[in-house]
């Protein structure tokens, strides 16, 4: 009986020790998804997917209370826009000092098809 136990232990020992030199598998860390990155950056000044450009045009309408300005502008290649007349959002303070008919240079941030004038200066 004693021989059987010793023999069994000797046979089982290599199997028991076979995993001793293996290093534990490192936990897999996945790169953050685009959505997670967008959420983490939501408090940043420029929205995800936004493009910035500079343009020149003529003011055709202003609504400072609503924070809206309409510009008849030339092409803005940086955002892929041809010349057109369109409305933009803008902070009301930014619209002080410009009037309908003024020729202006402006900076715009475009998200999707919506543009926001972020700086404006009379020519």
PDB file of N, CA and C in Angstrom:
ATOM      1  N   UNK A   1       0.820  -1.183   0.000  1.00  0.00           N
ATOM      2  CA  UNK A   1       0.000   0.000   0.000  1.00  0.00           C
ATOM      3  C   UNK A   1       0.871   1.256   0.000  1.00  0.00           C
ATOM      4  N   UNK A   2       1.921   1.224   0.801  1.00  0.00           N
ATOM      5  CA  UNK A   2       2.822   2.356   0.891  1.00  0.00           C
ATOM      6  C   UNK A   2       3.496   2.606  -0.456  1.00  0.00           C
ATOM      7  N   UNK A   3       3.857   1.540  -1.158  1.00  0.00           N
ATOM      8  CA  UNK A   3       4.508   1.664  -2.452  1.00  0.00           C
ATOM      9  C   UNK A   3       3.540   2.283  -3.467  1.00  0.00           C
ATOM     10  N   UNK A   4       2.286   1.903  -3.394  1.00  0.00           N
ATOM     11  CA  UNK A   4       1.292   2.425  -4.324  1.00  0.00           C
ATOM     12  C   UNK A   4       1.122   3.933  -4.126  1.00  0.00           C
ATOM     13  N   UNK A   5       1.077   4.386  -2.896  1.00  0.00           N
ATOM     14  CA  UNK A   5       0.935   5.807  -2.610  1.00  0.00           C
ATOM     15  C   UNK A   5       2.152   6.589  -3.082  1.00  0.00           C
ATOM     16  N   UNK A   6       3.326   6.053  -2.858  1.00  0.00           N
ATOM     17  CA  UNK A   6       4.549   6.727  -3.289  1.00  0.00           C
ATOM     18  C   UNK A   6       4.597   6.776  -4.811  1.00  0.00           C
ATOM     19  N   UNK A   7       4.241   5.670  -5.456  1.00  0.00           N
ATOM     20  CA  UNK A   7       4.242   5.606  -6.906  1.00  0.00           C
ATOM     21  C   UNK A   7       3.225   6.597  -7.491  1.00  0.00           C
ATOM     22  N   UNK A   8       2.034   6.683  -6.881  1.00  0.00           N
ATOM     23  CA  UNK A   8       1.006   7.620  -7.336  1.00  0.00           C
ATOM     24  C   UNK A   8       1.490   9.054  -7.168  1.00  0.00           C
ATOM     25  N   UNK A   9       2.132   9.342  -6.051  1.00  0.00           N
ATOM     26  CA  UNK A   9       2.641  10.693  -5.803  1.00  0.00           C
ATOM     27  C   UNK A   9       3.722  11.051  -6.805  1.00  0.00           C
ATOM     28  N   UNK A  10       4.588  10.103  -7.121  1.00  0.00           N
ATOM     29  CA  UNK A  10       5.659  10.367  -8.081  1.00  0.00           C
ATOM     30  C   UNK A  10       5.101  10.593  -9.488  1.00  0.00           C
ATOM     31  N   UNK A  11       4.029   9.905  -9.827  1.00  0.00           N
ATOM     32  CA  UNK A  11       3.422  10.091 -11.141  1.00  0.00           C
ATOM     33  C   UNK A  11       2.676  11.432 -11.202  1.00  0.00           C
ATOM     34  N   UNK A  12       1.991  11.791 -10.114  1.00  0.00           N
ATOM     35  CA  UNK A  12       1.195  13.022 -10.091  1.00  0.00           C
ATOM     36  C   UNK A  12       2.047  14.280  -9.949  1.00  0.00           C
ATOM     37  N   UNK A  13       3.223  14.144  -9.322  1.00  0.00           N
ATOM     38  CA  UNK A  13       4.079  15.291  -9.067  1.00  0.00           C
ATOM     39  C   UNK A  13       4.432  16.082 -10.327  1.00  0.00           C
ATOM     40  N   UNK A  14       4.878  15.460 -11.410  1.00  0.00           N
ATOM     41  CA  UNK A  14       5.207  16.251 -12.605  1.00  0.00           C
ATOM     42  C   UNK A  14       4.000  17.012 -13.167  1.00  0.00           C
ATOM     43  N   UNK A  15       2.820  16.390 -13.100  1.00  0.00           N
ATOM     44  CA  UNK A  15       1.624  17.078 -13.593  1.00  0.00           C
ATOM     45  C   UNK A  15       1.278  18.279 -12.718  1.00  0.00           C
ATOM     46  N   UNK A  16       1.452  18.127 -11.446  1.00  0.00           N
ATOM     47  CA  UNK A  16       1.164  19.230 -10.517  1.00  0.00           C
ATOM     48  C   UNK A  16       2.138  20.378 -10.665  1.00  0.00           C
ATOM     49  N   UNK A  17       3.385  20.067 -10.976  1.00  0.00           N
ATOM     50  CA  UNK A  17       4.407  21.103 -11.101  1.00  0.00           C
ATOM     51  C   UNK A  17       4.495  21.683 -12.518  1.00  0.00           C
ATOM     52  N   UNK A  18       3.812  21.082 -13.480  1.00  0.00           N
ATOM     53  CA  UNK A  18       3.948  21.528 -14.871  1.00  0.00           C
ATOM     54  C   UNK A  18       3.491  22.975 -15.065  1.00  0.00           C
ATOM     55  N   UNK A  19       2.589  23.474 -14.268  1.00  0.00           N
ATOM     56  CA  UNK A  19       2.120  24.852 -14.408  1.00  0.00           C
ATOM     57  C   UNK A  19       2.868  25.844 -13.546  1.00  0.00           C
ATOM     58  N   UNK A  20       3.838  25.393 -12.774  1.00  0.00           N
ATOM     59  CA  UNK A  20       4.530  26.285 -11.845  1.00  0.00           C
ATOM     60  C   UNK A  20       5.395  27.339 -12.523  1.00  0.00           C
ATOM     61  N   UNK A  21       5.973  27.028 -13.668  1.00  0.00           N
ATOM     62  CA  UNK A  21       6.845  28.011 -14.304  1.00  0.00           C
ATOM     63  C   UNK A  21       6.102  28.922 -15.275  1.00  0.00           C
ATOM     64  N   UNK A  22       4.813  28.717 -15.445  1.00  0.00           N
ATOM     65  CA  UNK A  22       4.042  29.569 -16.344  1.00  0.00           C
ATOM     66  C   UNK A  22       3.724  30.892 -15.681  1.00  0.00           C
ATOM     67  N   UNK A  23       3.885  31.952 -16.461  1.00  0.00           N
ATOM     68  CA  UNK A  23       3.548  33.279 -15.960  1.00  0.00           C
ATOM     69  C   UNK A  23       2.060  33.500 -16.148  1.00  0.00           C
ATOM     70  N   UNK A  24       1.439  34.178 -15.215  1.00  0.00           N
ATOM     71  CA  UNK A  24       0.007  34.429 -15.384  1.00  0.00           C
ATOM     72  C   UNK A  24      -0.225  35.334 -16.603  1.00  0.00           C
ATOM     73  N   UNK A  25      -1.321  35.074 -17.289  1.00  0.00           N
ATOM     74  CA  UNK A  25      -1.654  35.873 -18.460  1.00  0.00           C
ATOM     75  C   UNK A  25      -1.991  37.291 -18.052  1.00  0.00           C
ATOM     76  N   UNK A  26      -1.395  38.236 -18.747  1.00  0.00           N
ATOM     77  CA  UNK A  26      -1.679  39.645 -18.449  1.00  0.00           C
ATOM     78  C   UNK A  26      -3.107  39.958 -18.875  1.00  0.00           C
ATOM     79  N   UNK A  27      -3.736  40.805 -18.120  1.00  0.00           N
ATOM     80  CA  UNK A  27      -5.090  41.226 -18.467  1.00  0.00           C
ATOM     81  C   UNK A  27      -5.046  42.002 -19.775  1.00  0.00           C
ATOM     82  N   UNK A  28      -6.003  41.718 -20.642  1.00  0.00           N
ATOM     83  CA  UNK A  28      -6.045  42.408 -21.923  1.00  0.00           C
ATOM     84  C   UNK A  28      -6.666  43.781 -21.725  1.00  0.00           C
ATOM     85  N   UNK A  29      -5.974  44.783 -22.232  1.00  0.00           N
ATOM     86  CA  UNK A  29      -6.466  46.157 -22.147  1.00  0.00           C
ATOM     87  C   UNK A  29      -6.803  46.599 -23.559  1.00  0.00           C
ATOM     88  N   UNK A  30      -8.055  46.944 -23.772  1.00  0.00           N
ATOM     89  CA  UNK A  30      -8.477  47.375 -25.101  1.00  0.00           C
ATOM     90  C   UNK A  30      -8.372  48.887 -25.215  1.00  0.00           C
ATOM     91  N   UNK A  31      -8.076  49.335 -26.418  1.00  0.00           N
ATOM     92  CA  UNK A  31      -8.030  50.776 -26.674  1.00  0.00           C
ATOM     93  C   UNK A  31      -9.427  51.346 -26.502  1.00  0.00           C
ATOM     94  N   UNK A  32      -9.531  52.581 -26.012  1.00  0.00           N
ATOM     95  CA  UNK A  32     -10.857  53.175 -25.844  1.00  0.00           C
ATOM     96  C   UNK A  32     -11.549  53.339 -27.184  1.00  0.00           C
ATOM     97  N   UNK A  33     -12.846  53.183 -27.182  1.00  0.00           N
ATOM     98  CA  UNK A  33     -13.616  53.350 -28.410  1.00  0.00           C
ATOM     99  C   UNK A  33     -13.733  54.831 -28.745  1.00  0.00           C
ATOM    100  N   UNK A  34     -14.134  55.118 -29.956  1.00  0.00           N
ATOM    101  CA  UNK A  34     -14.311  56.515 -30.365  1.00  0.00           C
ATOM    102  C   UNK A  34     -15.364  57.196 -29.503  1.00  0.00           C
ATOM    103  N   UNK A  35     -16.415  56.447 -29.161  1.00  0.00           N
ATOM    104  CA  UNK A  35     -17.478  57.031 -28.329  1.00  0.00           C
ATOM    105  C   UNK A  35     -16.952  57.371 -26.933  1.00  0.00           C
ATOM    106  N   UNK A  36     -16.135  56.490 -26.370  1.00  0.00           N
ATOM    107  CA  UNK A  36     -15.581  56.758 -25.044  1.00  0.00           C
ATOM    108  C   UNK A  36     -14.647  57.963 -25.089  1.00  0.00           C
ATOM    109  N   UNK A  37     -13.873  58.066 -26.155  1.00  0.00           N
ATOM    110  CA  UNK A  37     -12.974  59.210 -26.311  1.00  0.00           C
ATOM    111  C   UNK A  37     -13.779  60.489 -26.467  1.00  0.00           C
ATOM    112  N   UNK A  38     -14.849  60.415 -27.232  1.00  0.00           N
ATOM    113  CA  UNK A  38     -15.695  61.597 -27.429  1.00  0.00           C
ATOM    114  C   UNK A  38     -16.303  62.046 -26.109  1.00  0.00           C
ATOM    115  N   UNK A  39     -16.762  61.074 -25.292  1.00  0.00           N
ATOM    116  CA  UNK A  39     -17.333  61.426 -23.995  1.00  0.00           C
ATOM    117  C   UNK A  39     -16.289  62.075 -23.102  1.00  0.00           C
ATOM    118  N   UNK A  40     -15.078  61.559 -23.114  1.00  0.00           N
ATOM    119  CA  UNK A  40     -14.025  62.092 -22.260  1.00  0.00           C
ATOM    120  C   UNK A  40     -13.609  63.490 -22.695  1.00  0.00           C
ATOM    121  N   UNK A  41     -13.783  63.786 -23.978  1.00  0.00           N
ATOM    122  CA  UNK A  41     -13.359  65.081 -24.492  1.00  0.00           C
ATOM    123  C   UNK A  41     -14.521  66.062 -24.643  1.00  0.00           C
ATOM    124  N   UNK A  42     -15.697  65.691 -24.143  1.00  0.00           N
ATOM    125  CA  UNK A  42     -16.866  66.534 -24.362  1.00  0.00           C
ATOM    126  C   UNK A  42     -16.740  67.914 -23.733  1.00  0.00           C
ATOM    127  N   UNK A  43     -15.876  68.065 -22.745  1.00  0.00           N
ATOM    128  CA  UNK A  43     -15.726  69.385 -22.122  1.00  0.00           C
ATOM    129  C   UNK A  43     -14.647  70.221 -22.803  1.00  0.00           C
ATOM    130  N   UNK A  44     -14.066  69.719 -23.864  1.00  0.00           N
ATOM    131  CA  UNK A  44     -13.049  70.460 -24.600  1.00  0.00           C
ATOM    132  C   UNK A  44     -13.752  71.504 -25.471  1.00  0.00           C
ATOM    133  N   UNK A  45     -13.041  72.517 -25.875  1.00  0.00           N
ATOM    134  CA  UNK A  45     -13.629  73.631 -26.610  1.00  0.00           C
ATOM    135  C   UNK A  45     -14.142  73.242 -27.985  1.00  0.00           C
ATOM    136  N   UNK A  46     -13.434  72.391 -28.700  1.00  0.00           N
ATOM    137  CA  UNK A  46     -13.833  72.057 -30.056  1.00  0.00           C
ATOM    138  C   UNK A  46     -14.565  70.718 -30.063  1.00  0.00           C
ATOM    139  N   UNK A  47     -15.787  70.687 -30.591  1.00  0.00           N
ATOM    140  CA  UNK A  47     -16.546  69.446 -30.626  1.00  0.00           C
ATOM    141  C   UNK A  47     -15.856  68.392 -31.482  1.00  0.00           C
ATOM    142  N   UNK A  48     -16.133  67.136 -31.173  1.00  0.00           N
ATOM    143  CA  UNK A  48     -15.572  66.033 -31.937  1.00  0.00           C
ATOM    144  C   UNK A  48     -16.072  66.122 -33.365  1.00  0.00           C
ATOM    145  N   UNK A  49     -15.188  65.951 -34.311  1.00  0.00           N
ATOM    146  CA  UNK A  49     -15.565  66.008 -35.710  1.00  0.00           C
ATOM    147  C   UNK A  49     -15.689  67.417 -36.254  1.00  0.00           C
ATOM    148  N   UNK A  50     -15.356  68.408 -35.479  1.00  0.00           N
ATOM    149  CA  UNK A  50     -15.475  69.796 -35.921  1.00  0.00           C
ATOM    150  C   UNK A  50     -14.293  70.168 -36.817  1.00  0.00           C
ATOM    151  N   UNK A  51     -14.582  71.075 -37.754  1.00  0.00           N
ATOM    152  CA  UNK A  51     -13.551  71.627 -38.633  1.00  0.00           C
ATOM    153  C   UNK A  51     -13.526  73.126 -38.401  1.00  0.00           C
ATOM    154  N   UNK A  52     -12.357  73.710 -38.605  1.00  0.00           N
ATOM    155  CA  UNK A  52     -12.230  75.161 -38.437  1.00  0.00           C
ATOM    156  C   UNK A  52     -11.788  75.765 -39.763  1.00  0.00           C
ATOM    157  N   UNK A  53     -12.308  76.958 -40.039  1.00  0.00           N
ATOM    158  CA  UNK A  53     -11.937  77.634 -41.264  1.00  0.00           C
ATOM    159  C   UNK A  53     -12.041  79.140 -41.113  1.00  0.00           C
ATOM    160  N   UNK A  54     -11.577  79.849 -42.123  1.00  0.00           N
ATOM    161  CA  UNK A  54     -11.644  81.312 -42.162  1.00  0.00           C
ATOM    162  C   UNK A  54     -12.359  81.706 -43.438  1.00  0.00           C
ATOM    163  N   UNK A  55     -13.186  82.744 -43.329  1.00  0.00           N
ATOM    164  CA  UNK A  55     -13.925  83.185 -44.500  1.00  0.00           C
ATOM    165  C   UNK A  55     -14.046  84.694 -44.545  1.00  0.00           C
ATOM    166  N   UNK A  56     -14.555  85.174 -45.656  1.00  0.00           N
ATOM    167  CA  UNK A  56     -14.836  86.597 -45.853  1.00  0.00           C
ATOM    168  C   UNK A  56     -16.213  86.685 -46.482  1.00  0.00           C
ATOM    169  N   UNK A  57     -16.934  87.740 -46.121  1.00  0.00           N
ATOM    170  CA  UNK A  57     -18.256  87.896 -46.701  1.00  0.00           C
ATOM    171  C   UNK A  57     -18.913  89.193 -46.285  1.00  0.00           C
ATOM    172  N   UNK A  58     -20.204  89.275 -46.581  1.00  0.00           N
ATOM    173  CA  UNK A  58     -21.010  90.446 -46.273  1.00  0.00           C
ATOM    174  C   UNK A  58     -22.119  90.043 -45.316  1.00  0.00           C
ATOM    175  N   UNK A  59     -22.313  90.841 -44.264  1.00  0.00           N
ATOM    176  CA  UNK A  59     -23.382  90.584 -43.301  1.00  0.00           C
ATOM    177  C   UNK A  59     -24.700  90.944 -43.973  1.00  0.00           C
ATOM    178  N   UNK A  60     -25.656  89.987 -43.985  1.00  0.00           N
ATOM    179  CA  UNK A  60     -26.965  90.259 -44.592  1.00  0.00           C
ATOM    180  C   UNK A  60     -28.083  90.303 -43.549  1.00  0.00           C
ATOM    181  N   UNK A  61     -27.841  89.757 -42.351  1.00  0.00           N
ATOM    182  CA  UNK A  61     -28.832  89.816 -41.267  1.00  0.00           C
ATOM    183  C   UNK A  61     -28.133  89.527 -39.947  1.00  0.00           C
ATOM    184  N   UNK A  62     -28.647  90.142 -38.871  1.00  0.00           N
ATOM    185  CA  UNK A  62     -28.105  89.912 -37.528  1.00  0.00           C
ATOM    186  C   UNK A  62     -29.273  89.843 -36.545  1.00  0.00           C
ATOM    187  N   UNK A  63     -29.199  88.855 -35.648  1.00  0.00           N
ATOM    188  CA  UNK A  63     -30.146  88.771 -34.528  1.00  0.00           C
ATOM    189  C   UNK A  63     -29.310  88.521 -33.278  1.00  0.00           C
ATOM    190  N   UNK A  64     -28.797  89.598 -32.642  1.00  0.00           N
ATOM    191  CA  UNK A  64     -27.906  89.416 -31.495  1.00  0.00           C
ATOM    192  C   UNK A  64     -28.594  88.734 -30.313  1.00  0.00           C
ATOM    193  N   UNK A  65     -29.896  88.950 -30.149  1.00  0.00           N
ATOM    194  CA  UNK A  65     -30.609  88.323 -29.036  1.00  0.00           C
ATOM    195  C   UNK A  65     -30.612  86.803 -29.175  1.00  0.00           C
ATOM    196  N   UNK A  66     -30.831  86.326 -30.388  1.00  0.00           N
ATOM    197  CA  UNK A  66     -30.849  84.876 -30.646  1.00  0.00           C
ATOM    198  C   UNK A  66     -29.451  84.318 -30.907  1.00  0.00           C
ATOM    199  N   UNK A  67     -28.458  85.214 -31.069  1.00  0.00           N
ATOM    200  CA  UNK A  67     -27.099  84.756 -31.366  1.00  0.00           C
ATOM    201  C   UNK A  67     -26.981  84.195 -32.771  1.00  0.00           C
ATOM    202  N   UNK A  68     -27.565  84.911 -33.757  1.00  0.00           N
ATOM    203  CA  UNK A  68     -27.552  84.459 -35.153  1.00  0.00           C
ATOM    204  C   UNK A  68     -27.042  85.572 -36.062  1.00  0.00           C
ATOM    205  N   UNK A  69     -26.290  85.175 -37.082  1.00  0.00           N
ATOM    206  CA  UNK A  69     -25.818  86.111 -38.103  1.00  0.00           C
ATOM    207  C   UNK A  69     -25.895  85.398 -39.446  1.00  0.00           C
ATOM    208  N   UNK A  70     -26.318  86.120 -40.467  1.00  0.00           N
ATOM    209  CA  UNK A  70     -26.359  85.569 -41.817  1.00  0.00           C
ATOM    210  C   UNK A  70     -25.285  86.270 -42.633  1.00  0.00           C
ATOM    211  N   UNK A  71     -24.482  85.457 -43.330  1.00  0.00           N
ATOM    212  CA  UNK A  71     -23.368  85.979 -44.130  1.00  0.00           C
ATOM    213  C   UNK A  71     -23.469  85.458 -45.553  1.00  0.00           C
ATOM    214  N   UNK A  72     -23.219  86.333 -46.498  1.00  0.00           N
ATOM    215  CA  UNK A  72     -23.064  85.954 -47.898  1.00  0.00           C
ATOM    216  C   UNK A  72     -21.552  85.857 -48.078  1.00  0.00           C
ATOM    217  N   UNK A  73     -21.025  84.638 -48.023  1.00  0.00           N
ATOM    218  CA  UNK A  73     -19.561  84.472 -47.954  1.00  0.00           C
ATOM    219  C   UNK A  73     -19.002  83.761 -49.168  1.00  0.00           C
ATOM    220  N   UNK A  74     -17.702  83.945 -49.352  1.00  0.00           N
ATOM    221  CA  UNK A  74     -16.976  83.244 -50.394  1.00  0.00           C
ATOM    222  C   UNK A  74     -16.709  81.812 -49.953  1.00  0.00           C
ATOM    223  N   UNK A  75     -16.028  81.055 -50.810  1.00  0.00           N
ATOM    224  CA  UNK A  75     -15.699  79.663 -50.506  1.00  0.00           C
ATOM    225  C   UNK A  75     -14.824  79.585 -49.247  1.00  0.00           C
ATOM    226  N   UNK A  76     -15.045  78.526 -48.482  1.00  0.00           N
ATOM    227  CA  UNK A  76     -14.226  78.258 -47.290  1.00  0.00           C
ATOM    228  C   UNK A  76     -13.640  76.853 -47.481  1.00  0.00           C
ATOM    229  N   UNK A  77     -12.486  76.757 -48.172  1.00  0.00           N
ATOM    230  CA  UNK A  77     -11.911  75.454 -48.510  1.00  0.00           C
ATOM    231  C   UNK A  77     -11.602  74.569 -47.299  1.00  0.00           C
ATOM    232  N   UNK A  78     -11.204  75.160 -46.178  1.00  0.00           N
ATOM    233  CA  UNK A  78     -10.821  74.364 -45.008  1.00  0.00           C
ATOM    234  C   UNK A  78     -11.964  73.498 -44.480  1.00  0.00           C
ATOM    235  N   UNK A  79     -13.203  73.921 -44.726  1.00  0.00           N
ATOM    236  CA  UNK A  79     -14.354  73.134 -44.272  1.00  0.00           C
ATOM    237  C   UNK A  79     -15.123  72.525 -45.454  1.00  0.00           C
ATOM    238  N   UNK A  80     -14.616  72.734 -46.674  1.00  0.00           N
ATOM    239  CA  UNK A  80     -15.216  72.141 -47.852  1.00  0.00           C
ATOM    240  C   UNK A  80     -16.490  72.817 -48.326  1.00  0.00           C
ATOM    241  N   UNK A  81     -16.661  74.099 -48.051  1.00  0.00           N
ATOM    242  CA  UNK A  81     -17.868  74.826 -48.440  1.00  0.00           C
ATOM    243  C   UNK A  81     -17.612  75.724 -49.645  1.00  0.00           C
ATOM    244  N   UNK A  82     -18.546  75.737 -50.592  1.00  0.00           N
ATOM    245  CA  UNK A  82     -18.470  76.705 -51.690  1.00  0.00           C
ATOM    246  C   UNK A  82     -19.011  78.046 -51.197  1.00  0.00           C
ATOM    247  N   UNK A  83     -18.927  79.045 -52.041  1.00  0.00           N
ATOM    248  CA  UNK A  83     -19.515  80.351 -51.716  1.00  0.00           C
ATOM    249  C   UNK A  83     -21.027  80.175 -51.577  1.00  0.00           C
ATOM    250  N   UNK A  84     -21.616  80.820 -50.564  1.00  0.00           N
ATOM    251  CA  UNK A  84     -23.063  80.742 -50.359  1.00  0.00           C
ATOM    252  C   UNK A  84     -23.508  81.774 -49.335  1.00  0.00           C
ATOM    253  N   UNK A  85     -24.809  81.906 -49.212  1.00  0.00           N
ATOM    254  CA  UNK A  85     -25.394  82.772 -48.193  1.00  0.00           C
ATOM    255  C   UNK A  85     -26.023  81.836 -47.164  1.00  0.00           C
ATOM    256  N   UNK A  86     -25.630  81.998 -45.897  1.00  0.00           N
ATOM    257  CA  UNK A  86     -26.157  81.098 -44.870  1.00  0.00           C
ATOM    258  C   UNK A  86     -26.119  81.732 -43.496  1.00  0.00           C
ATOM    259  N   UNK A  87     -26.893  81.154 -42.603  1.00  0.00           N
ATOM    260  CA  UNK A  87     -26.939  81.614 -41.222  1.00  0.00           C
ATOM    261  C   UNK A  87     -25.972  80.845 -40.349  1.00  0.00           C
ATOM    262  N   UNK A  88     -25.430  81.523 -39.361  1.00  0.00           N
ATOM    263  CA  UNK A  88     -24.496  80.939 -38.403  1.00  0.00           C
ATOM    264  C   UNK A  88     -24.964  81.290 -36.999  1.00  0.00           C
ATOM    265  N   UNK A  89     -24.594  80.472 -36.055  1.00  0.00           N
ATOM    266  CA  UNK A  89     -24.773  80.867 -34.661  1.00  0.00           C
ATOM    267  C   UNK A  89     -23.524  81.643 -34.250  1.00  0.00           C
ATOM    268  N   UNK A  90     -23.669  82.481 -33.240  1.00  0.00           N
ATOM    269  CA  UNK A  90     -22.544  83.277 -32.731  1.00  0.00           C
ATOM    270  C   UNK A  90     -22.921  83.782 -31.351  1.00  0.00           C
ATOM    271  N   UNK A  91     -21.933  83.935 -30.490  1.00  0.00           N
ATOM    272  CA  UNK A  91     -22.203  84.510 -29.174  1.00  0.00           C
ATOM    273  C   UNK A  91     -22.636  85.967 -29.361  1.00  0.00           C
ATOM    274  N   UNK A  92     -23.684  86.378 -28.642  1.00  0.00           N
ATOM    275  CA  UNK A  92     -24.196  87.754 -28.822  1.00  0.00           C
ATOM    276  C   UNK A  92     -23.124  88.837 -28.678  1.00  0.00           C
ATOM    277  N   UNK A  93     -22.183  88.701 -27.734  1.00  0.00           N
ATOM    278  CA  UNK A  93     -21.130  89.706 -27.571  1.00  0.00           C
ATOM    279  C   UNK A  93     -20.276  89.843 -28.822  1.00  0.00           C
ATOM    280  N   UNK A  94     -20.121  88.759 -29.553  1.00  0.00           N
ATOM    281  CA  UNK A  94     -19.305  88.751 -30.763  1.00  0.00           C
ATOM    282  C   UNK A  94     -19.941  89.593 -31.874  1.00  0.00           C
ATOM    283  N   UNK A  95     -21.266  89.718 -31.822  1.00  0.00           N
ATOM    284  CA  UNK A  95     -21.984  90.420 -32.885  1.00  0.00           C
ATOM    285  C   UNK A  95     -22.047  91.926 -32.687  1.00  0.00           C
ATOM    286  N   UNK A  96     -21.602  92.395 -31.533  1.00  0.00           N
ATOM    287  CA  UNK A  96     -21.572  93.843 -31.295  1.00  0.00           C
ATOM    288  C   UNK A  96     -20.529  94.471 -32.212  1.00  0.00           C
ATOM    289  N   UNK A  97     -20.865  95.569 -32.815  1.00  0.00           N
ATOM    290  CA  UNK A  97     -19.891  96.275 -33.656  1.00  0.00           C
ATOM    291  C   UNK A  97     -19.961  95.906 -35.119  1.00  0.00           C
ATOM    292  N   UNK A  98     -20.825  94.951 -35.507  1.00  0.00           N
ATOM    293  CA  UNK A  98     -21.013  94.673 -36.926  1.00  0.00           C
ATOM    294  C   UNK A  98     -22.469  94.964 -37.282  1.00  0.00           C
ATOM    295  N   UNK A  99     -22.700  95.359 -38.508  1.00  0.00           N
ATOM    296  CA  UNK A  99     -24.045  95.725 -38.952  1.00  0.00           C
ATOM    297  C   UNK A  99     -24.312  95.134 -40.331  1.00  0.00           C
ATOM    298  N   UNK A 100     -25.577  95.056 -40.683  1.00  0.00           N
ATOM    299  CA  UNK A 100     -25.966  94.586 -42.011  1.00  0.00           C
ATOM    300  C   UNK A 100     -25.266  95.455 -43.052  1.00  0.00           C
ATOM    301  N   UNK A 101     -24.684  94.812 -44.036  1.00  0.00           N
ATOM    302  CA  UNK A 101     -23.955  95.515 -45.100  1.00  0.00           C
ATOM    303  C   UNK A 101     -22.450  95.546 -44.882  1.00  0.00           C
ATOM    304  N   UNK A 102     -21.980  95.280 -43.653  1.00  0.00           N
ATOM    305  CA  UNK A 102     -20.538  95.286 -43.384  1.00  0.00           C
ATOM    306  C   UNK A 102     -19.846  94.128 -44.099  1.00  0.00           C
ATOM    307  N   UNK A 103     -18.682  94.418 -44.663  1.00  0.00           N
ATOM    308  CA  UNK A 103     -17.805  93.377 -45.204  1.00  0.00           C
ATOM    309  C   UNK A 103     -16.954  92.900 -44.032  1.00  0.00           C
ATOM    310  N   UNK A 104     -16.868  91.564 -43.826  1.00  0.00           N
ATOM    311  CA  UNK A 104     -16.179  91.034 -42.653  1.00  0.00           C
ATOM    312  C   UNK A 104     -15.290  89.850 -43.013  1.00  0.00           C
ATOM    313  N   UNK A 105     -14.305  89.638 -42.173  1.00  0.00           N
ATOM    314  CA  UNK A 105     -13.508  88.414 -42.157  1.00  0.00           C
ATOM    315  C   UNK A 105     -13.956  87.689 -40.896  1.00  0.00           C
ATOM    316  N   UNK A 106     -14.059  86.356 -40.964  1.00  0.00           N
ATOM    317  CA  UNK A 106     -14.545  85.626 -39.798  1.00  0.00           C
ATOM    318  C   UNK A 106     -13.898  84.251 -39.698  1.00  0.00           C
ATOM    319  N   UNK A 107     -13.887  83.733 -38.485  1.00  0.00           N
ATOM    320  CA  UNK A 107     -13.466  82.360 -38.205  1.00  0.00           C
ATOM    321  C   UNK A 107     -14.726  81.572 -37.930  1.00  0.00           C
ATOM    322  N   UNK A 108     -14.753  80.336 -38.400  1.00  0.00           N
ATOM    323  CA  UNK A 108     -15.933  79.496 -38.201  1.00  0.00           C
ATOM    324  C   UNK A 108     -15.510  78.102 -37.761  1.00  0.00           C
ATOM    325  N   UNK A 109     -16.307  77.533 -36.866  1.00  0.00           N
ATOM    326  CA  UNK A 109     -16.151  76.134 -36.472  1.00  0.00           C
ATOM    327  C   UNK A 109     -17.384  75.413 -36.998  1.00  0.00           C
ATOM    328  N   UNK A 110     -17.167  74.339 -37.761  1.00  0.00           N
ATOM    329  CA  UNK A 110     -18.266  73.610 -38.384  1.00  0.00           C
ATOM    330  C   UNK A 110     -18.356  72.215 -37.780  1.00  0.00           C
ATOM    331  N   UNK A 111     -19.552  71.872 -37.312  1.00  0.00           N
ATOM    332  CA  UNK A 111     -19.833  70.536 -36.810  1.00  0.00           C
ATOM    333  C   UNK A 111     -21.009  70.013 -37.625  1.00  0.00           C
ATOM    334  N   UNK A 112     -20.771  68.950 -38.391  1.00  0.00           N
ATOM    335  CA  UNK A 112     -21.804  68.469 -39.308  1.00  0.00           C
ATOM    336  C   UNK A 112     -22.005  69.515 -40.384  1.00  0.00           C
ATOM    337  N   UNK A 113     -23.234  70.025 -40.516  1.00  0.00           N
ATOM    338  CA  UNK A 113     -23.494  71.079 -41.503  1.00  0.00           C
ATOM    339  C   UNK A 113     -23.749  72.425 -40.833  1.00  0.00           C
ATOM    340  N   UNK A 114     -23.618  72.473 -39.503  1.00  0.00           N
ATOM    341  CA  UNK A 114     -23.870  73.718 -38.758  1.00  0.00           C
ATOM    342  C   UNK A 114     -22.564  74.448 -38.492  1.00  0.00           C
ATOM    343  N   UNK A 115     -22.607  75.773 -38.659  1.00  0.00           N
ATOM    344  CA  UNK A 115     -21.418  76.580 -38.427  1.00  0.00           C
ATOM    345  C   UNK A 115     -21.633  77.574 -37.310  1.00  0.00           C
ATOM    346  N   UNK A 116     -20.564  77.832 -36.576  1.00  0.00           N
ATOM    347  CA  UNK A 116     -20.588  78.857 -35.527  1.00  0.00           C
ATOM    348  C   UNK A 116     -19.450  79.825 -35.788  1.00  0.00           C
ATOM    349  N   UNK A 117     -19.796  81.098 -35.892  1.00  0.00           N
ATOM    350  CA  UNK A 117     -18.778  82.130 -36.055  1.00  0.00           C
ATOM    351  C   UNK A 117     -18.129  82.320 -34.682  1.00  0.00           C
ATOM    352  N   UNK A 118     -16.805  82.141 -34.648  1.00  0.00           N
ATOM    353  CA  UNK A 118     -16.078  82.244 -33.376  1.00  0.00           C
ATOM    354  C   UNK A 118     -15.268  83.524 -33.266  1.00  0.00           C
ATOM    355  N   UNK A 119     -15.091  84.218 -34.382  1.00  0.00           N
ATOM    356  CA  UNK A 119     -14.415  85.522 -34.405  1.00  0.00           C
ATOM    357  C   UNK A 119     -14.899  86.257 -35.645  1.00  0.00           C
ATOM    358  N   UNK A 120     -15.035  87.564 -35.528  1.00  0.00           N
ATOM    359  CA  UNK A 120     -15.482  88.355 -36.678  1.00  0.00           C
ATOM    360  C   UNK A 120     -14.848  89.742 -36.598  1.00  0.00           C
ATOM    361  N   UNK A 121     -14.445  90.275 -37.775  1.00  0.00           N
ATOM    362  CA  UNK A 121     -13.774  91.586 -37.808  1.00  0.00           C
ATOM    363  C   UNK A 121     -14.162  92.278 -39.115  1.00  0.00           C
ATOM    364  N   UNK A 122     -14.506  93.550 -39.000  1.00  0.00           N
ATOM    365  CA  UNK A 122     -14.803  94.339 -40.196  1.00  0.00           C
ATOM    366  C   UNK A 122     -13.552  94.440 -41.053  1.00  0.00           C
ATOM    367  N   UNK A 123     -13.751  94.444 -42.350  1.00  0.00           N
ATOM    368  CA  UNK A 123     -12.612  94.590 -43.275  1.00  0.00           C
ATOM    369  C   UNK A 123     -12.219  96.046 -43.378  1.00  0.00           C
TER     370      UNK A 123
END
